[in-house]
Amino acid sequence: MLLIYTAHIMDPYTGLDGLRDILIDDNGIIVKVEKHIDWASAGSDVKMLDAKSMTVAPGFVDTHVHFRDPGQTQKEDIHTGMRSAAAGGYTTVICMANTKPVCDNLDTLQYVQQTAAQEPIINVLQACAITKGLSGQELTDFDELLAAGAPGFTDDGVPLRDAALTMRAMEEAVRTGTLLSFHEEAPEFVPSPGVNFGSAAAGKFGVPGAKPISEEVMVARDIALALRSGARVVFQHISSAHSVALIRAGKALGANIYAEVTPHHLALTEDAVLEHGTLARMNPPLRTEADRQALIAGLKDGTIDMIATDHAPHTAEEKARDFAAAPSGIIGLETAFSVCNTTLVKTGRMTRMQLLQCMSKKPAEIYGLTGKSIEPGNRAELVLLDWDAHKTYTAYQSKSANSPFTGKPLRGAVHSIVMGQRELRFR
């Protein structure tokens, strides 16, 4: 038995916001949530966890991570990815399908599932590709992959350029009861990726950059297709103010659409590329302060549903290349809570409970993940938080360290997670 006592529970599922004790049985199931639980009544072998001055919340859920396994394990692997996620307070993650080989088949899906199960630090779900080989030409077998445990489908990293094929994918998603996640960047409006078009940083590094219209035109098209098909669609890592407005309008029209935003798009602008170079190169790129403010407003009013890190590890050698040759993406799992707390809560833009909604409840509900609330009968999947801690990241559990937040003073820290009966701390 594990007794977590003097915990300030904040549960966005139930609305509970107050002091409680939590008793967890030997199977990792919550059996009591009460104002005071007598430890003696729990048995002689009860383990005690003092949560005084900490918030206990449902573990975070990240619907968009890259663990690079199989195929690029010099950057990350499933084990180090799980450690990185746990260090950031995440108890469930969904891995993207752009592995090598692409996760468009049972063998690759089962490899990830079996590897994660060897040392199950957290819950690892593996999304599968919409099209075979991410080619944008032939749909994968949705029925077969869903039956094997795929939580959804995405060609993340590659936009679906063929509108007719995208419509067929949506019709398959409706038929099979799943959802699709889209990386929205039309290549014809991306002369060079990783930096905002026409920005000072683009000029500094001698590249044109990626135009916001590259995202907006794809979002507009896929809202129209979603309205016609009835499909459930997630727009990944939204970056543009106009995209926020389009999604808001699409929801008002009745489309079954959702949107992600990353911590870095909430916290940084295109000017970060001037300071950090390739460490702030990402797809879609960081954009203007007006875009950043629109993203925050969209998250606050529910137009954007969830925060997803797009955790994208790369080696130091890769990020040391010239800007035009370096890969896009940054790690994000370990810094996400601190960045979002600093950017949103400490500035008064969102409440603590609102942030927890976007980092745990909403992503879980969108992907149909149940039993995540802090209630008797549910498995304990918890995060212990200190909202006021001063935190500076200098080292990571990830194999990679490609982050513009390294060395930056932030507020808020993850103390640990609880998975079943185990408290896990990675620092």
Protein backbone atom coordinates (compact mmCIF):
# COMPACT_ATOMS: atom_id res chain seq x y z
CA MET A 1 0.00 0.00 0.00
CA LEU A 2 1.09 3.58 -0.66
CA LEU A 3 -0.33 6.52 1.28
CA ILE A 4 0.17 9.98 -0.18
CA TYR A 5 -0.66 12.41 2.59
CA THR A 6 -1.18 16.18 2.97
CA ALA A 7 -1.57 16.43 -0.79
CA HIS A 8 -3.19 19.43 -2.45
CA ILE A 9 -5.12 17.63 -5.15
CA MET A 10 -6.01 19.50 -8.32
CA ASP A 11 -8.05 17.24 -10.56
CA PRO A 12 -9.42 18.82 -13.76
CA TYR A 13 -11.65 15.76 -14.32
CA THR A 14 -13.63 16.13 -11.08
CA GLY A 15 -12.91 19.76 -10.23
CA LEU A 16 -11.45 18.76 -6.86
CA ASP A 17 -9.11 21.47 -5.57
CA GLY A 18 -8.20 20.86 -1.95
CA LEU A 19 -6.24 18.92 0.65
CA ARG A 20 -6.70 15.15 0.59
CA ASP A 21 -4.88 11.92 1.37
CA ILE A 22 -4.69 9.21 -1.30
CA LEU A 23 -4.44 5.49 -0.52
CA ILE A 24 -3.21 3.19 -3.28
CA ASP A 25 -3.39 -0.61 -2.98
CA ASP A 26 -0.77 -3.19 -3.91
CA ASN A 27 -2.14 -3.38 -7.45
CA GLY A 28 -1.63 0.35 -7.97
CA ILE A 29 -5.34 1.14 -7.73
CA ILE A 30 -6.63 4.16 -5.83
CA VAL A 31 -8.85 2.88 -3.01
CA LYS A 32 -9.46 6.04 -0.96
CA VAL A 33 -9.33 9.81 -1.49
CA GLU A 34 -10.24 11.42 1.83
CA LYS A 35 -9.42 14.43 3.96
CA HIS A 36 -7.63 12.22 6.44
CA ILE A 37 -6.67 8.56 6.14
CA ASP A 38 -5.31 6.89 9.26
CA TRP A 39 -2.08 5.24 8.14
CA ALA A 40 -2.40 2.58 10.84
CA SER A 41 -5.67 1.39 9.36
CA ALA A 42 -3.96 0.86 6.02
CA GLY A 43 -1.77 -1.95 7.33
CA SER A 44 1.72 -2.39 8.70
CA ASP A 45 3.42 -2.46 5.30
CA VAL A 46 2.08 0.89 4.07
CA LYS A 47 4.60 3.19 2.42
CA MET A 48 4.27 6.90 3.17
CA LEU A 49 4.75 9.76 0.71
CA ASP A 50 4.65 13.26 2.17
CA ALA A 51 3.18 15.63 -0.43
CA LYS A 52 3.15 18.71 1.78
CA SER A 53 3.50 21.96 -0.21
CA MET A 54 3.01 20.06 -3.47
CA THR A 55 0.11 19.73 -5.87
CA VAL A 56 -0.92 16.22 -6.88
CA ALA A 57 -2.63 16.10 -10.27
CA PRO A 58 -3.44 13.51 -12.93
CA GLY A 59 -0.30 12.69 -14.90
CA PHE A 60 0.29 14.71 -18.04
CA VAL A 61 -0.62 13.26 -21.45
CA ASP A 62 1.45 14.20 -24.50
CA THR A 63 -0.18 13.31 -27.79
CA HIS A 64 2.83 14.20 -29.94
CA VAL A 65 6.34 12.88 -29.28
CA HIS A 66 9.18 11.41 -31.32
CA PHE A 67 11.16 8.67 -29.58
CA ARG A 68 13.13 7.90 -32.79
CA ASP A 69 12.84 4.18 -32.18
CA PRO A 70 13.20 2.21 -34.40
CA GLY A 71 15.75 3.71 -36.73
CA GLN A 72 17.42 6.73 -35.12
CA THR A 73 18.30 5.59 -31.64
CA GLN A 74 21.42 7.75 -31.56
CA LYS A 75 18.96 10.61 -30.89
CA GLU A 76 16.53 8.87 -28.53
CA ASP A 77 15.19 5.42 -27.81
CA ILE A 78 12.03 4.19 -26.14
CA HIS A 79 13.72 3.77 -22.75
CA THR A 80 15.34 7.23 -22.65
CA GLY A 81 12.19 8.75 -24.08
CA MET A 82 10.17 7.26 -21.23
CA ARG A 83 12.65 8.61 -18.68
CA SER A 84 12.47 12.05 -20.28
CA ALA A 85 8.68 11.96 -20.22
CA ALA A 86 8.56 10.85 -16.59
CA ALA A 87 10.98 13.62 -15.61
CA GLY A 88 8.55 16.08 -17.19
CA GLY A 89 5.49 14.72 -15.37
CA TYR A 90 4.07 12.71 -18.27
CA THR A 91 2.47 9.36 -17.54
CA THR A 92 1.18 8.74 -21.08
CA VAL A 93 2.66 9.66 -24.47
CA ILE A 94 1.72 8.99 -28.08
CA CYS A 95 4.67 8.43 -30.42
CA MET A 96 4.57 9.61 -34.01
CA ALA A 97 4.80 7.23 -36.96
CA ASN A 98 7.80 8.73 -38.80
CA THR A 99 10.17 6.09 -37.50
CA LYS A 100 12.58 4.13 -39.71
CA PRO A 101 10.92 1.96 -40.89
CA VAL A 102 7.70 3.92 -40.83
CA CYS A 103 5.10 2.62 -38.39
CA ASP A 104 2.62 1.61 -41.07
CA ASN A 105 2.61 -2.11 -40.30
CA LEU A 106 2.04 -4.58 -37.47
CA ASP A 107 5.71 -5.49 -37.04
CA THR A 108 6.84 -1.94 -36.27
CA LEU A 109 3.82 -1.22 -34.08
CA GLN A 110 4.39 -4.37 -32.06
CA TYR A 111 8.13 -3.67 -31.77
CA VAL A 112 7.38 -0.36 -30.04
CA GLN A 113 4.72 -1.90 -27.82
CA GLN A 114 6.92 -4.81 -26.77
CA THR A 115 10.00 -2.66 -26.20
CA ALA A 116 8.04 -0.24 -24.00
CA ALA A 117 6.57 -3.16 -22.05
CA GLN A 118 10.02 -4.48 -21.11
CA GLU A 119 10.44 -1.63 -18.62
CA PRO A 120 7.09 0.13 -18.41
CA ILE A 121 8.06 3.41 -16.77
CA ILE A 122 5.05 5.17 -18.32
CA ASN A 123 2.32 4.37 -20.85
CA VAL A 124 3.66 4.49 -24.41
CA LEU A 125 1.16 4.42 -27.27
CA GLN A 126 2.30 4.28 -30.88
CA ALA A 127 0.36 6.10 -33.59
CA CYS A 128 0.41 4.64 -37.08
CA ALA A 129 0.83 6.29 -40.44
CA ILE A 130 -2.15 7.39 -42.50
CA THR A 131 -0.37 6.42 -45.72
CA LYS A 132 2.10 3.65 -46.41
CA GLY A 133 5.66 4.92 -46.13
CA LEU A 134 4.31 8.44 -45.46
CA SER A 135 4.07 8.59 -49.25
CA GLY A 136 0.68 10.28 -49.40
CA GLN A 137 -0.44 7.70 -51.97
CA GLU A 138 -1.97 4.60 -50.38
CA LEU A 139 -3.84 4.33 -47.08
CA THR A 140 -2.66 1.94 -44.41
CA ASP A 141 -4.90 -0.82 -43.06
CA PHE A 142 -6.80 1.09 -40.37
CA ASP A 143 -8.75 -1.96 -39.18
CA GLU A 144 -5.67 -4.13 -38.66
CA LEU A 145 -3.64 -1.42 -36.91
CA LEU A 146 -6.49 -0.31 -34.66
CA ALA A 147 -7.10 -3.90 -33.60
CA ALA A 148 -3.42 -4.08 -32.60
CA GLY A 149 -3.66 -0.98 -30.40
CA ALA A 150 -2.98 2.09 -32.54
CA PRO A 151 -4.53 5.15 -30.82
CA GLY A 152 -4.86 7.09 -34.07
CA PHE A 153 -3.22 7.87 -37.40
CA THR A 154 -0.83 10.58 -38.58
CA ASP A 155 1.72 11.30 -41.28
CA ASP A 156 3.32 13.86 -38.95
CA GLY A 157 6.33 15.49 -40.53
CA VAL A 158 4.74 15.24 -43.97
CA PRO A 159 1.56 17.04 -45.09
CA LEU A 160 -1.12 15.16 -46.99
CA ARG A 161 -1.09 17.09 -50.27
CA ASP A 162 -3.77 15.11 -52.13
CA ALA A 163 -7.18 16.42 -51.06
CA ALA A 164 -9.05 13.42 -52.49
CA LEU A 165 -6.84 10.98 -50.59
CA THR A 166 -7.25 13.07 -47.44
CA MET A 167 -11.01 12.81 -47.83
CA ARG A 168 -10.74 9.02 -48.20
CA ALA A 169 -8.64 8.91 -45.04
CA MET A 170 -11.30 10.89 -43.21
CA GLU A 171 -14.02 8.55 -44.44
CA GLU A 172 -11.97 5.58 -43.19
CA ALA A 173 -11.52 7.32 -39.84
CA VAL A 174 -15.29 7.80 -39.55
CA ARG A 175 -15.96 4.18 -40.50
CA THR A 176 -13.45 2.80 -37.98
CA GLY A 177 -14.15 5.31 -35.20
CA THR A 178 -10.64 6.71 -35.00
CA LEU A 179 -9.11 10.15 -35.44
CA LEU A 180 -6.48 11.68 -37.70
CA SER A 181 -3.72 14.13 -36.81
CA PHE A 182 -2.34 16.44 -39.49
CA HIS A 183 0.96 18.28 -39.94
CA GLU A 184 -0.22 21.29 -41.93
CA GLU A 185 2.54 22.83 -44.07
CA ALA A 186 1.99 23.17 -47.82
CA PRO A 187 5.47 22.73 -49.37
CA GLU A 188 4.84 25.28 -52.12
CA PHE A 189 4.82 27.99 -49.44
CA VAL A 190 7.93 26.73 -47.64
CA PRO A 191 10.97 27.87 -49.65
CA SER A 192 13.09 26.77 -46.69
CA PRO A 193 11.84 25.26 -43.42
CA GLY A 194 12.57 26.02 -39.79
CA VAL A 195 12.31 29.82 -39.62
CA ASN A 196 9.53 32.34 -40.26
CA PHE A 197 9.42 33.82 -43.75
CA GLY A 198 10.91 37.30 -44.00
CA SER A 199 12.06 37.40 -40.37
CA ALA A 200 15.30 38.96 -39.21
CA ALA A 201 16.54 35.47 -38.42
CA ALA A 202 15.83 34.32 -41.97
CA GLY A 203 17.90 37.23 -43.21
CA LYS A 204 20.71 36.48 -40.77
CA PHE A 205 20.99 32.88 -41.92
CA GLY A 206 20.42 33.62 -45.59
CA VAL A 207 17.28 31.52 -46.07
CA PRO A 208 13.78 32.59 -47.21
CA GLY A 209 11.85 30.78 -44.47
CA ALA A 210 8.37 29.27 -44.24
CA LYS A 211 5.30 31.41 -44.89
CA PRO A 212 2.36 31.30 -42.45
CA ILE A 213 0.04 30.69 -45.40
CA SER A 214 1.66 27.25 -45.73
CA GLU A 215 -0.16 26.24 -42.55
CA GLU A 216 -3.30 28.28 -43.06
CA VAL A 217 -4.18 26.96 -46.51
CA MET A 218 -3.94 23.36 -45.30
CA VAL A 219 -5.95 24.06 -42.15
CA ALA A 220 -8.69 25.73 -44.22
CA ARG A 221 -8.84 22.82 -46.67
CA ASP A 222 -9.00 20.19 -43.96
CA ILE A 223 -11.67 22.04 -41.99
CA ALA A 224 -13.81 21.92 -45.14
CA LEU A 225 -13.12 18.21 -45.57
CA ALA A 226 -13.83 17.53 -41.90
CA LEU A 227 -17.15 19.35 -42.15
CA ARG A 228 -18.16 17.22 -45.15
CA SER A 229 -16.89 13.91 -43.79
CA GLY A 230 -17.69 14.26 -40.09
CA ALA A 231 -14.19 13.01 -39.26
CA ARG A 232 -12.44 13.81 -36.01
CA VAL A 233 -9.27 15.72 -36.90
CA VAL A 234 -6.40 17.08 -34.82
CA PHE A 235 -4.38 19.99 -36.18
CA GLN A 236 -0.86 19.52 -34.90
CA HIS A 237 1.46 22.23 -33.50
CA ILE A 238 -0.52 25.26 -34.69
CA SER A 239 1.66 28.37 -35.10
CA SER A 240 -0.30 31.09 -36.91
CA ALA A 241 -2.90 33.60 -35.69
CA HIS A 242 -4.92 33.04 -38.87
CA SER A 243 -4.91 29.29 -38.23
CA VAL A 244 -6.39 29.95 -34.79
CA ALA A 245 -9.13 32.06 -36.37
CA LEU A 246 -9.86 29.38 -38.97
CA ILE A 247 -10.12 26.65 -36.32
CA ARG A 248 -12.38 28.85 -34.21
CA ALA A 249 -14.66 29.34 -37.23
CA GLY A 250 -14.55 25.64 -38.09
CA LYS A 251 -15.63 24.68 -34.59
CA ALA A 252 -18.46 27.21 -34.75
CA LEU A 253 -19.64 25.54 -37.97
CA GLY A 254 -19.72 22.18 -36.20
CA ALA A 255 -16.54 20.50 -37.42
CA ASN A 256 -15.16 17.76 -35.14
CA ILE A 257 -11.74 19.37 -35.00
CA TYR A 258 -9.13 19.82 -32.29
CA ALA A 259 -5.83 21.65 -32.12
CA GLU A 260 -2.46 21.28 -30.43
CA VAL A 261 0.02 24.00 -29.53
CA THR A 262 3.56 23.45 -28.29
CA PRO A 263 5.14 25.08 -25.24
CA HIS A 264 7.76 26.70 -27.46
CA HIS A 265 5.21 28.33 -29.74
CA LEU A 266 3.50 29.72 -26.63
CA ALA A 267 6.72 31.03 -25.09
CA LEU A 268 8.97 32.11 -27.97
CA THR A 269 8.87 34.15 -31.17
CA GLU A 270 10.94 34.23 -34.35
CA ASP A 271 13.47 36.42 -32.52
CA ALA A 272 14.58 33.36 -30.52
CA VAL A 273 16.22 32.07 -33.69
CA LEU A 274 18.53 35.10 -33.65
CA GLU A 275 19.74 34.08 -30.20
CA HIS A 276 19.69 30.30 -30.42
CA GLY A 277 20.20 29.52 -34.10
CA THR A 278 19.49 25.90 -34.95
CA LEU A 279 18.31 25.19 -31.38
CA ALA A 280 15.24 27.28 -32.26
CA ARG A 281 14.81 25.84 -35.74
CA MET A 282 11.57 23.87 -35.95
CA ASN A 283 8.63 23.00 -38.20
CA PRO A 284 6.38 24.92 -38.18
CA PRO A 285 8.68 27.79 -37.24
CA LEU A 286 8.38 30.24 -34.41
CA ARG A 287 6.44 33.22 -35.69
CA THR A 288 5.64 36.78 -34.58
CA GLU A 289 4.59 38.15 -31.20
CA ALA A 290 1.10 38.70 -32.63
CA ASP A 291 0.93 35.02 -33.54
CA ARG A 292 2.15 34.02 -30.08
CA GLN A 293 -0.50 36.13 -28.39
CA ALA A 294 -3.19 34.64 -30.63
CA LEU A 295 -2.07 31.14 -29.68
CA ILE A 296 -2.34 31.97 -25.98
CA ALA A 297 -5.78 33.52 -26.49
CA GLY A 298 -6.88 30.48 -28.49
CA LEU A 299 -5.69 28.10 -25.79
CA LYS A 300 -7.48 30.11 -23.13
CA ASP A 301 -10.83 30.26 -24.95
CA GLY A 302 -10.76 26.59 -25.98
CA THR A 303 -10.12 27.05 -29.69
CA ILE A 304 -6.85 25.22 -29.10
CA ASP A 305 -7.54 22.16 -26.99
CA MET A 306 -4.24 20.85 -25.73
CA ILE A 307 -0.55 21.40 -25.21
CA ALA A 308 1.67 18.84 -26.96
CA THR A 309 5.45 19.05 -26.92
CA ASP A 310 6.41 17.69 -30.35
CA HIS A 311 9.45 16.33 -28.49
CA ALA A 312 11.98 16.01 -31.33
CA PRO A 313 15.48 14.93 -30.28
CA HIS A 314 18.51 15.53 -32.51
CA THR A 315 22.20 15.03 -31.84
CA ALA A 316 24.55 17.89 -31.05
CA GLU A 317 26.45 17.13 -34.26
CA GLU A 318 23.30 17.54 -36.36
CA LYS A 319 22.34 20.81 -34.69
CA ALA A 320 25.91 22.11 -35.17
CA ARG A 321 25.44 22.14 -38.95
CA ASP A 322 24.77 25.32 -40.90
CA PHE A 323 21.22 26.55 -40.38
CA ALA A 324 19.97 25.43 -43.79
CA ALA A 325 21.37 21.91 -43.31
CA ALA A 326 20.42 21.32 -39.66
CA PRO A 327 17.32 19.27 -38.79
CA SER A 328 14.24 20.96 -37.36
CA GLY A 329 12.84 20.29 -33.90
CA ILE A 330 13.60 20.58 -30.21
CA ILE A 331 13.16 18.39 -27.16
CA GLY A 332 10.29 19.42 -24.92
CA LEU A 333 9.08 16.78 -22.49
CA GLU A 334 11.21 17.78 -19.50
CA THR A 335 10.78 21.55 -19.81
CA ALA A 336 7.09 21.68 -20.79
CA PHE A 337 5.53 22.24 -17.38
CA SER A 338 8.05 24.87 -16.31
CA VAL A 339 7.78 26.72 -19.63
CA CYS A 340 3.97 26.70 -19.59
CA ASN A 341 3.71 27.64 -15.93
CA THR A 342 6.14 30.52 -16.47
CA THR A 343 4.48 31.70 -19.67
CA LEU A 344 0.81 31.20 -18.82
CA VAL A 345 0.17 30.86 -15.09
CA LYS A 346 2.78 33.18 -13.61
CA THR A 347 1.71 35.90 -16.06
CA GLY A 348 -1.96 35.52 -15.13
CA ARG A 349 -3.06 34.38 -18.58
CA MET A 350 -4.38 31.03 -17.31
CA THR A 351 -5.18 29.47 -13.96
CA ARG A 352 -3.43 26.39 -12.66
CA MET A 353 -6.53 24.30 -13.26
CA GLN A 354 -6.82 25.58 -16.83
CA LEU A 355 -3.25 24.55 -17.53
CA LEU A 356 -3.88 21.08 -16.10
CA GLN A 357 -6.93 20.79 -18.36
CA CYS A 358 -4.72 21.34 -21.40
CA MET A 359 -1.90 19.06 -20.27
CA SER A 360 -3.88 16.10 -18.93
CA LYS A 361 -7.68 16.02 -19.21
CA LYS A 362 -8.29 17.30 -22.73
CA PRO A 363 -5.63 15.27 -24.55
CA ALA A 364 -6.74 12.12 -22.73
CA GLU A 365 -10.39 12.69 -23.58
CA ILE A 366 -9.71 13.50 -27.24
CA TYR A 367 -7.83 10.21 -27.64
CA GLY A 368 -10.34 8.20 -25.62
CA LEU A 369 -8.00 7.46 -22.73
CA THR A 370 -10.17 6.72 -19.70
CA GLY A 371 -9.64 6.21 -15.99
CA LYS A 372 -7.20 9.09 -15.52
CA SER A 373 -8.97 11.00 -12.74
CA ILE A 374 -7.91 10.82 -9.08
CA GLU A 375 -10.82 8.68 -7.93
CA PRO A 376 -11.23 5.27 -6.26
CA GLY A 377 -11.11 2.46 -8.77
CA ASN A 378 -8.68 4.14 -11.14
CA ARG A 379 -5.03 3.24 -11.51
CA ALA A 380 -2.77 5.81 -9.87
CA GLU A 381 -1.09 7.83 -12.62
CA LEU A 382 -0.14 11.04 -10.86
CA VAL A 383 2.25 13.96 -11.05
CA LEU A 384 3.57 15.90 -8.03
CA LEU A 385 4.18 19.57 -8.82
CA ASP A 386 5.79 22.59 -7.22
CA TRP A 387 4.31 25.64 -8.94
CA ASP A 388 6.64 28.15 -7.29
CA ALA A 389 10.03 26.45 -7.56
CA HIS A 390 12.80 28.23 -9.43
CA LYS A 391 14.06 25.88 -12.12
CA THR A 392 16.97 26.06 -14.56
CA TYR A 393 17.56 23.12 -16.90
CA THR A 394 21.19 22.23 -17.57
CA ALA A 395 20.99 18.47 -18.24
CA TYR A 396 18.34 16.08 -19.49
CA GLN A 397 17.20 12.48 -19.22
CA SER A 398 16.80 12.51 -23.00
CA LYS A 399 19.75 11.37 -25.10
CA SER A 400 19.60 14.77 -26.78
CA ALA A 401 19.82 18.32 -25.43
CA ASN A 402 18.56 20.42 -28.34
CA SER A 403 16.55 23.01 -26.41
CA PRO A 404 16.52 26.81 -26.46
CA PHE A 405 15.39 26.71 -22.81
CA THR A 406 18.66 25.30 -21.48
CA GLY A 407 20.05 27.69 -18.87
CA LYS A 408 16.93 29.88 -18.83
CA PRO A 409 15.41 30.69 -15.41
CA LEU A 410 11.89 29.26 -15.22
CA ARG A 411 9.22 28.85 -12.57
CA GLY A 412 7.65 25.56 -11.56
CA ALA A 413 9.08 22.07 -11.34
CA VAL A 414 7.97 18.45 -11.50
CA HIS A 415 8.86 16.70 -8.25
CA SER A 416 7.97 13.15 -9.32
CA ILE A 417 5.32 10.93 -10.84
CA VAL A 418 3.45 8.03 -9.28
CA MET A 419 2.69 5.05 -11.51
CA GLY A 420 0.67 2.48 -9.64
CA GLN A 421 2.52 2.00 -6.36
CA ARG A 422 5.85 3.41 -7.55
CA GLU A 423 7.06 6.95 -7.08
CA LEU A 424 9.51 7.80 -9.85
CA ARG A 425 11.93 10.72 -9.74
CA PHE A 426 14.32 11.54 -12.58
CA ARG A 427 16.46 14.61 -12.03
